C-alpha atoms as a PDB file:
ATOM      1  CA  ASN A   1      19.040 -19.869  44.983  1.00  0.00           C
ATOM      2  CA  GLU A   2      16.843 -20.948  42.061  1.00  0.00           C
ATOM      3  CA  THR A   3      14.588 -17.939  42.616  1.00  0.00           C
ATOM      4  CA  ILE A   4      17.585 -15.623  42.666  1.00  0.00           C
ATOM      5  CA  LEU A   5      18.958 -17.165  39.457  1.00  0.00           C
ATOM      6  CA  ILE A   6      15.589 -16.739  37.727  1.00  0.00           C
ATOM      7  CA  ALA A   7      15.332 -13.133  38.940  1.00  0.00           C
ATOM      8  CA  VAL A   8      18.855 -12.351  37.722  1.00  0.00           C
ATOM      9  CA  GLY A   9      18.151 -13.975  34.357  1.00  0.00           C
ATOM     10  CA  VAL A  10      14.924 -12.038  33.870  1.00  0.00           C
ATOM     11  CA  GLY A  11      16.631  -8.832  34.987  1.00  0.00           C
ATOM     12  CA  VAL A  12      19.471  -9.264  32.510  1.00  0.00           C
ATOM     13  CA  ALA A  13      16.985 -10.023  29.733  1.00  0.00           C
ATOM     14  CA  LEU A  14      15.010  -6.868  30.524  1.00  0.00           C
ATOM     15  CA  VAL A  15      18.160  -4.734  30.524  1.00  0.00           C
ATOM     16  CA  MET A  16      19.293  -6.231  27.204  1.00  0.00           C
ATOM     17  CA  ASN A  17      15.839  -5.606  25.789  1.00  0.00           C
ATOM     18  CA  LEU A  18      15.950  -1.958  26.790  1.00  0.00           C
ATOM     19  CA  TYR A  19      19.295  -1.463  25.046  1.00  0.00           C
ATOM     20  CA  MET A  20      18.469  -3.455  21.905  1.00  0.00           C
ATOM     21  CA  PRO A  21      19.399  -1.248  18.941  1.00  0.00           C
ATOM     22  CA  SER A  22      16.439   0.336  17.181  1.00  0.00           C
ATOM     23  CA  VAL A  23      15.733  -0.507  13.553  1.00  0.00           C
ATOM     24  CA  ASP A  24      13.069   2.184  13.152  1.00  0.00           C
ATOM     25  CA  ASP A  25      15.097   4.080  10.538  1.00  0.00           C
ATOM     26  CA  LYS A  26      15.485   0.934   8.439  1.00  0.00           C
ATOM     27  CA  LEU A  27      11.767   0.178   8.732  1.00  0.00           C
ATOM     28  CA  LEU A  28      10.978   3.748   7.730  1.00  0.00           C
ATOM     29  CA  ALA A  29      13.274   3.437   4.708  1.00  0.00           C
ATOM     30  CA  TYR A  30      11.452   0.262   3.632  1.00  0.00           C
ATOM     31  CA  GLN A  31       8.114   2.013   4.104  1.00  0.00           C
ATOM     32  CA  GLU A  32       9.161   4.945   1.926  1.00  0.00           C
ATOM     33  CA  SER A  33      10.595   2.700  -0.812  1.00  0.00           C
ATOM     34  CA  ILE A  34       7.449   0.558  -0.933  1.00  0.00           C
ATOM     35  CA  GLU A  35       5.192   3.612  -1.084  1.00  0.00           C
ATOM     36  CA  THR A  36       7.302   5.119  -3.880  1.00  0.00           C
ATOM     37  CA  ASN A  37       6.968   1.889  -5.858  1.00  0.00           C
ATOM     38  CA  PHE A  38       3.222   1.720  -5.230  1.00  0.00           C
ATOM     39  CA  SER A  39       2.907   5.231  -6.691  1.00  0.00           C
ATOM     40  CA  ALA A  40       4.965   4.260  -9.752  1.00  0.00           C
ATOM     41  CA  ILE A  41       2.865   1.126 -10.358  1.00  0.00           C
ATOM     42  CA  LEU A  42      -0.396   3.036 -10.028  1.00  0.00           C
ATOM     43  CA  MET A  43       0.885   5.685 -12.452  1.00  0.00           C
ATOM     44  CA  GLY A  44       1.717   2.920 -14.935  1.00  0.00           C
ATOM     45  CA  ILE A  45      -1.931   1.837 -14.716  1.00  0.00           C
ATOM     46  CA  VAL A  46      -3.049   5.450 -15.209  1.00  0.00           C
ATOM     47  CA  ARG A  47      -1.040   5.854 -18.417  1.00  0.00           C
ATOM     48  CA  TYR A  48      -2.433   2.646 -19.837  1.00  0.00           C
ATOM     49  CA  LEU A  49      -6.035   3.630 -19.028  1.00  0.00           C
ATOM     50  CA  ARG A  50      -5.654   7.043 -20.640  1.00  0.00           C
ATOM     51  CA  ASP A  51      -3.571   6.340 -23.714  1.00  0.00           C
ATOM     52  CA  ASN A  52      -3.067   2.576 -23.932  1.00  0.00           C
ATOM     53  CA  ASP A  53       0.577   3.381 -23.084  1.00  0.00           C
ATOM     54  CA  HIS A  54       2.791   0.285 -22.705  1.00  0.00           C
ATOM     55  CA  THR A  55       6.089   2.100 -22.014  1.00  0.00           C
ATOM     56  CA  TRP A  56       6.210   1.241 -18.284  1.00  0.00           C
ATOM     57  CA  ASP A  57       8.672  -1.646 -17.861  1.00  0.00           C
ATOM     58  CA  GLY A  58       7.133  -2.974 -14.636  1.00  0.00           C
ATOM     59  CA  LYS A  59      10.436  -3.262 -12.734  1.00  0.00           C
ATOM     60  CA  GLU A  60       8.758  -1.977  -9.565  1.00  0.00           C
ATOM     61  CA  ILE A  61       6.721  -5.194  -9.378  1.00  0.00           C
ATOM     62  CA  THR A  62       9.727  -7.410  -8.622  1.00  0.00           C
ATOM     63  CA  GLU A  63      11.332  -4.715  -6.464  1.00  0.00           C
ATOM     64  CA  THR A  64       8.208  -4.328  -4.341  1.00  0.00           C
ATOM     65  CA  ALA A  65       7.819  -8.064  -3.790  1.00  0.00           C
ATOM     66  CA  ASN A  66      11.414  -8.237  -2.525  1.00  0.00           C
ATOM     67  CA  LEU A  67      11.054  -5.110  -0.376  1.00  0.00           C
ATOM     68  CA  LEU A  68       7.900  -6.440   1.273  1.00  0.00           C
ATOM     69  CA  ASN A  69       9.561  -9.749   2.163  1.00  0.00           C
ATOM     70  CA  GLN A  70      12.613  -7.999   3.612  1.00  0.00           C
ATOM     71  CA  ALA A  71      10.542  -5.420   5.490  1.00  0.00           C
ATOM     72  CA  LYS A  72       8.232  -8.015   7.038  1.00  0.00           C
ATOM     73  CA  SER A  73      11.201 -10.101   8.158  1.00  0.00           C
ATOM     74  CA  LEU A  74      12.899  -7.105   9.791  1.00  0.00           C
ATOM     75  CA  ALA A  75       9.671  -5.910  11.435  1.00  0.00           C
ATOM     76  CA  PHE A  76       9.003  -9.390  12.834  1.00  0.00           C
ATOM     77  CA  ARG A  77      12.529  -9.625  14.269  1.00  0.00           C
ATOM     78  CA  ASP A  78      12.092  -6.184  15.805  1.00  0.00           C
ATOM     79  CA  VAL A  79       8.897  -7.305  17.544  1.00  0.00           C
ATOM     80  CA  GLU A  80      10.629 -10.416  18.908  1.00  0.00           C
ATOM     81  CA  ASN A  81      13.617  -8.407  20.141  1.00  0.00           C
ATOM     82  CA  HIS A  82      11.433  -5.899  21.977  1.00  0.00           C
ATOM     83  CA  PHE A  83       8.857  -8.016  23.737  1.00  0.00           C
ATOM     84  CA  LEU A  84       7.912  -5.122  26.016  1.00  0.00           C
ATOM     85  CA  ARG A  85       6.362  -3.276  23.108  1.00  0.00           C
ATOM     86  CA  GLU A  86       2.585  -3.344  23.119  1.00  0.00           C
ATOM     87  CA  GLU A  87       2.267  -2.670  19.385  1.00  0.00           C
ATOM     88  CA  ASP A  88       3.850  -4.061  16.255  1.00  0.00           C
ATOM     89  CA  LEU A  89       2.502  -1.434  13.889  1.00  0.00           C
ATOM     90  CA  TYR A  90       5.216  -1.750  11.255  1.00  0.00           C
ATOM     91  CA  TYR A  91       4.674  -5.484  10.902  1.00  0.00           C
ATOM     92  CA  HIS A  92       0.919  -4.977  10.472  1.00  0.00           C
ATOM     93  CA  TYR A  93       1.624  -2.110   8.066  1.00  0.00           C
ATOM     94  CA  PHE A  94       3.795  -4.275   5.809  1.00  0.00           C
ATOM     95  CA  LYS A  95       1.252  -7.115   5.947  1.00  0.00           C
ATOM     96  CA  MET A  96      -1.430  -4.655   4.867  1.00  0.00           C
ATOM     97  CA  ARG A  97       0.741  -3.437   1.978  1.00  0.00           C
ATOM     98  CA  GLU A  98       1.436  -7.046   0.996  1.00  0.00           C
ATOM     99  CA  LYS A  99      -2.309  -7.722   0.684  1.00  0.00           C
ATOM    100  CA  GLN A 100      -2.749  -4.510  -1.305  1.00  0.00           C
ATOM    101  CA  PHE A 101       0.107  -5.591  -3.560  1.00  0.00           C
ATOM    102  CA  GLU A 102      -1.707  -8.869  -4.273  1.00  0.00           C
ATOM    103  CA  ILE A 103      -4.693  -6.809  -5.437  1.00  0.00           C
ATOM    104  CA  ILE A 104      -2.444  -4.687  -7.668  1.00  0.00           C
ATOM    105  CA  GLU A 105      -1.059  -7.866  -9.225  1.00  0.00           C
ATOM    106  CA  ARG A 106      -4.633  -8.936 -10.037  1.00  0.00           C
ATOM    107  CA  ILE A 107      -5.430  -5.504 -11.478  1.00  0.00           C
ATOM    108  CA  LEU A 108      -2.525  -5.352 -13.936  1.00  0.00           C
ATOM    109  CA  PRO A 109      -3.675  -8.110 -16.345  1.00  0.00           C
ATOM    110  CA  LEU A 110      -7.235  -6.816 -16.050  1.00  0.00           C
ATOM    111  CA  VAL A 111      -6.145  -3.333 -17.175  1.00  0.00           C
ATOM    112  CA  THR A 112      -3.923  -4.533 -20.024  1.00  0.00           C
ATOM    113  CA  ASN A 113      -6.796  -6.583 -21.471  1.00  0.00           C
ATOM    114  CA  ILE A 114      -9.269  -3.703 -21.664  1.00  0.00           C
ATOM    115  CA  PRO A 115     -10.073  -3.652 -25.411  1.00  0.00           C
ATOM    116  CA  LEU A 116     -11.020   0.012 -25.840  1.00  0.00           C
ATOM    117  CA  VAL A 117     -10.270   3.394 -24.241  1.00  0.00           C
ATOM    118  CA  VAL A 118     -13.693   4.791 -23.325  1.00  0.00           C
ATOM    119  CA  LYS A 119     -14.824   7.947 -21.525  1.00  0.00           C
ATOM    120  CA  GLN A 120     -15.016   6.089 -18.221  1.00  0.00           C
ATOM    121  CA  SER A 121     -11.355   5.073 -18.621  1.00  0.00           C
ATOM    122  CA  GLY A 122     -10.259   8.684 -18.171  1.00  0.00           C
ATOM    123  CA  ILE A 123     -12.434   9.133 -15.095  1.00  0.00           C
ATOM    124  CA  VAL A 124     -11.012   6.013 -13.449  1.00  0.00           C
ATOM    125  CA  ALA A 125      -7.508   7.115 -14.471  1.00  0.00           C
ATOM    126  CA  ASP A 126      -8.008  10.502 -12.753  1.00  0.00           C
ATOM    127  CA  PHE A 127      -9.105   8.703  -9.580  1.00  0.00           C
ATOM    128  CA  ILE A 128      -6.104   6.356  -9.565  1.00  0.00           C
ATOM    129  CA  GLU A 129      -3.713   9.227 -10.331  1.00  0.00           C
ATOM    130  CA  ASP A 130      -5.016  11.105  -7.274  1.00  0.00           C
ATOM    131  CA  LEU A 131      -4.506   7.935  -5.248  1.00  0.00           C
ATOM    132  CA  ALA A 132      -0.972   7.468  -6.639  1.00  0.00           C
ATOM    133  CA  GLU A 133      -0.015  10.986  -5.563  1.00  0.00           C
ATOM    134  CA  ASN A 134      -1.187  10.340  -2.009  1.00  0.00           C
ATOM    135  CA  VAL A 135       0.307   6.980  -1.011  1.00  0.00           C
ATOM    136  CA  HIS A 136       1.288   7.429   2.643  1.00  0.00           C
ATOM    137  CA  PRO A 137       1.112   5.548   5.975  1.00  0.00           C
ATOM    138  CA  GLN A 138      -1.768   7.544   7.487  1.00  0.00           C
ATOM    139  CA  ASN A 139      -5.353   6.386   7.098  1.00  0.00           C
ATOM    140  CA  THR A 140      -7.338   8.578   4.688  1.00  0.00           C
ATOM    141  CA  ALA A 141      -8.886   5.695   2.747  1.00  0.00           C
ATOM    142  CA  ILE A 142     -12.425   6.714   3.722  1.00  0.00           C
ATOM    143  CA  LEU A 143     -12.099   9.814   1.493  1.00  0.00           C
ATOM    144  CA  TYR A 144     -11.281   7.689  -1.551  1.00  0.00           C
ATOM    145  CA  LEU A 145     -13.977   5.141  -0.738  1.00  0.00           C
ATOM    146  CA  ARG A 146     -16.513   7.969  -0.877  1.00  0.00           C
ATOM    147  CA  LYS A 147     -15.084   9.197  -4.196  1.00  0.00           C
ATOM    148  CA  LEU A 148     -15.292   5.665  -5.552  1.00  0.00           C
ATOM    149  CA  GLU A 149     -18.939   5.394  -4.522  1.00  0.00           C
ATOM    150  CA  GLU A 150     -19.744   8.738  -6.157  1.00  0.00           C
ATOM    151  CA  MET A 151     -17.964   7.632  -9.332  1.00  0.00           C
ATOM    152  CA  GLU A 152     -19.973   4.400  -9.476  1.00  0.00           C
ATOM    153  CA  ILE A 153     -23.243   6.344  -9.125  1.00  0.00           C
ATOM    154  CA  HIS A 154     -22.094   8.689 -11.911  1.00  0.00           C
ATOM    155  CA  PHE A 155     -21.336   5.740 -14.216  1.00  0.00           C
ATOM    156  CA  ARG A 156     -24.802   4.290 -13.680  1.00  0.00           C
ATOM    157  CA  GLY A 157     -26.320   7.502 -15.017  1.00  0.00           C
ATOM    158  CA  MET A 158     -24.251   7.482 -18.205  1.00  0.00           C
ATOM    159  CA  PRO A 159     -25.637   6.181 -21.559  1.00  0.00           C
ATOM    160  CA  LEU A 160     -25.464   2.429 -22.130  1.00  0.00           C
ATOM    161  CA  PRO A 161     -22.604   1.042 -24.277  1.00  0.00           C
ATOM    162  CA  GLN A 162     -23.292   0.920 -28.001  1.00  0.00           C
ATOM    163  CA  THR A 163     -20.792  -1.722 -29.105  1.00  0.00           C
ATOM    164  CA  ARG A 164     -19.492  -5.024 -27.780  1.00  0.00           C
ATOM    165  CA  GLU A 165     -15.999  -3.586 -27.240  1.00  0.00           C
ATOM    166  CA  GLU A 166     -17.394  -0.644 -25.287  1.00  0.00           C
ATOM    167  CA  PHE A 167     -19.467  -3.031 -23.159  1.00  0.00           C
ATOM    168  CA  GLU A 168     -16.438  -5.213 -22.402  1.00  0.00           C
ATOM    169  CA  SER A 169     -14.305  -2.181 -21.578  1.00  0.00           C
ATOM    170  CA  ARG A 170     -16.858  -0.743 -19.184  1.00  0.00           C
ATOM    171  CA  ALA A 171     -17.394  -4.133 -17.541  1.00  0.00           C
ATOM    172  CA  ALA A 172     -13.626  -4.425 -16.992  1.00  0.00           C
ATOM    173  CA  LEU A 173     -13.533  -0.922 -15.520  1.00  0.00           C
ATOM    174  CA  LEU A 174     -16.308  -1.829 -13.069  1.00  0.00           C
ATOM    175  CA  GLN A 175     -14.315  -4.893 -12.033  1.00  0.00           C
ATOM    176  CA  LEU A 176     -11.260  -2.658 -11.637  1.00  0.00           C
ATOM    177  CA  MET A 177     -13.262  -0.347  -9.366  1.00  0.00           C
ATOM    178  CA  LYS A 178     -14.298  -3.306  -7.206  1.00  0.00           C
ATOM    179  CA  GLU A 179     -10.644  -4.298  -6.837  1.00  0.00           C
ATOM    180  CA  MET A 180      -9.756  -0.709  -5.905  1.00  0.00           C
ATOM    181  CA  GLU A 181     -12.491  -0.811  -3.280  1.00  0.00           C
ATOM    182  CA  ARG A 182     -10.874  -3.917  -1.743  1.00  0.00           C
ATOM    183  CA  TYR A 183      -7.499  -2.148  -1.919  1.00  0.00           C
ATOM    184  CA  LEU A 184      -8.888   0.843   0.005  1.00  0.00           C
ATOM    185  CA  LEU A 185     -10.790  -1.248   2.554  1.00  0.00           C
ATOM    186  CA  LEU A 186      -7.500  -2.908   3.531  1.00  0.00           C
ATOM    187  CA  LYS A 187      -6.000   0.517   4.197  1.00  0.00           C
ATOM    188  CA  HIS A 188      -9.135   1.652   6.016  1.00  0.00           C
ATOM    189  CA  SER A 189      -8.824  -1.291   8.434  1.00  0.00           C
ATOM    190  CA  PHE A 190      -5.276  -0.180   9.342  1.00  0.00           C
ATOM    191  CA  LYS A 191      -5.164   2.598  11.931  1.00  0.00           C
ATOM    192  CA  GLY A 192      -2.020   4.167  10.462  1.00  0.00           C
ATOM    193  CA  LEU A 193       1.574   4.648  11.541  1.00  0.00           C
ATOM    194  CA  PRO A 194       2.445   7.450  13.964  1.00  0.00           C
ATOM    195  CA  LYS A 195       3.449  10.693  12.284  1.00  0.00           C
ATOM    196  CA  LEU A 196       7.116  11.676  12.462  1.00  0.00           C
ATOM    197  CA  THR A 197       8.165  14.308  14.958  1.00  0.00           C
ATOM    198  CA  GLY A 198       9.860  17.481  13.754  1.00  0.00           C
ATOM    199  CA  ASN A 199      13.356  16.289  14.684  1.00  0.00           C
ATOM    200  CA  ARG A 200      12.876  12.934  13.042  1.00  0.00           C
ATOM    201  CA  MET A 201      11.475  14.477   9.878  1.00  0.00           C
ATOM    202  CA  LYS A 202      14.516  16.763   9.746  1.00  0.00           C
ATOM    203  CA  LYS A 203      16.787  13.773  10.193  1.00  0.00           C
ATOM    204  CA  ARG A 204      15.107  11.934   7.312  1.00  0.00           C
ATOM    205  CA  HIS A 205      15.394  14.953   5.003  1.00  0.00           C
ATOM    206  CA  LEU A 206      19.085  15.279   5.816  1.00  0.00           C
ATOM    207  CA  ALA A 207      19.786  11.571   5.249  1.00  0.00           C
END
């Protein structure tokens, strides 16, 4: 009788698990919102590097912190509710974005304290702008890591700074590049989310 009760209990749990409502659309919505905010934050950095532009109000910082907490919580609950799943990609994705966000938070005061707009500022700004326009869940970080390496080699071949302010600005930009390397290595270690099927992409565009 005990064996039968256990078998019935496990069977009911498996059936309930199979019919547990999916939260994939909600997770996808969080993913898209976070990526949109990442792009906006990176573009704020770009404008400051190019023109010392302070017009960005930074509201995406607070929004992103809240979105990441909510998304992680939902992804974790989804994993617990579907214990037959072998992967918890969304949870790992949001954890990866959370670590990247910590790097962005370190970058912001570094950028705003750069004393002088130098030639290298524009080059770094172009790199970050390209990155901002291509924030997505697939893993293409290796391409940007190579660009970053090429940029560092190019900087080494440029004339030495002539003033203290120029030296401090270029030193800050090198530190910024190191932080961007850490940002990209986090993405490189993540294998990426599965691409949407045609029907699901259509559904998202219609929503």
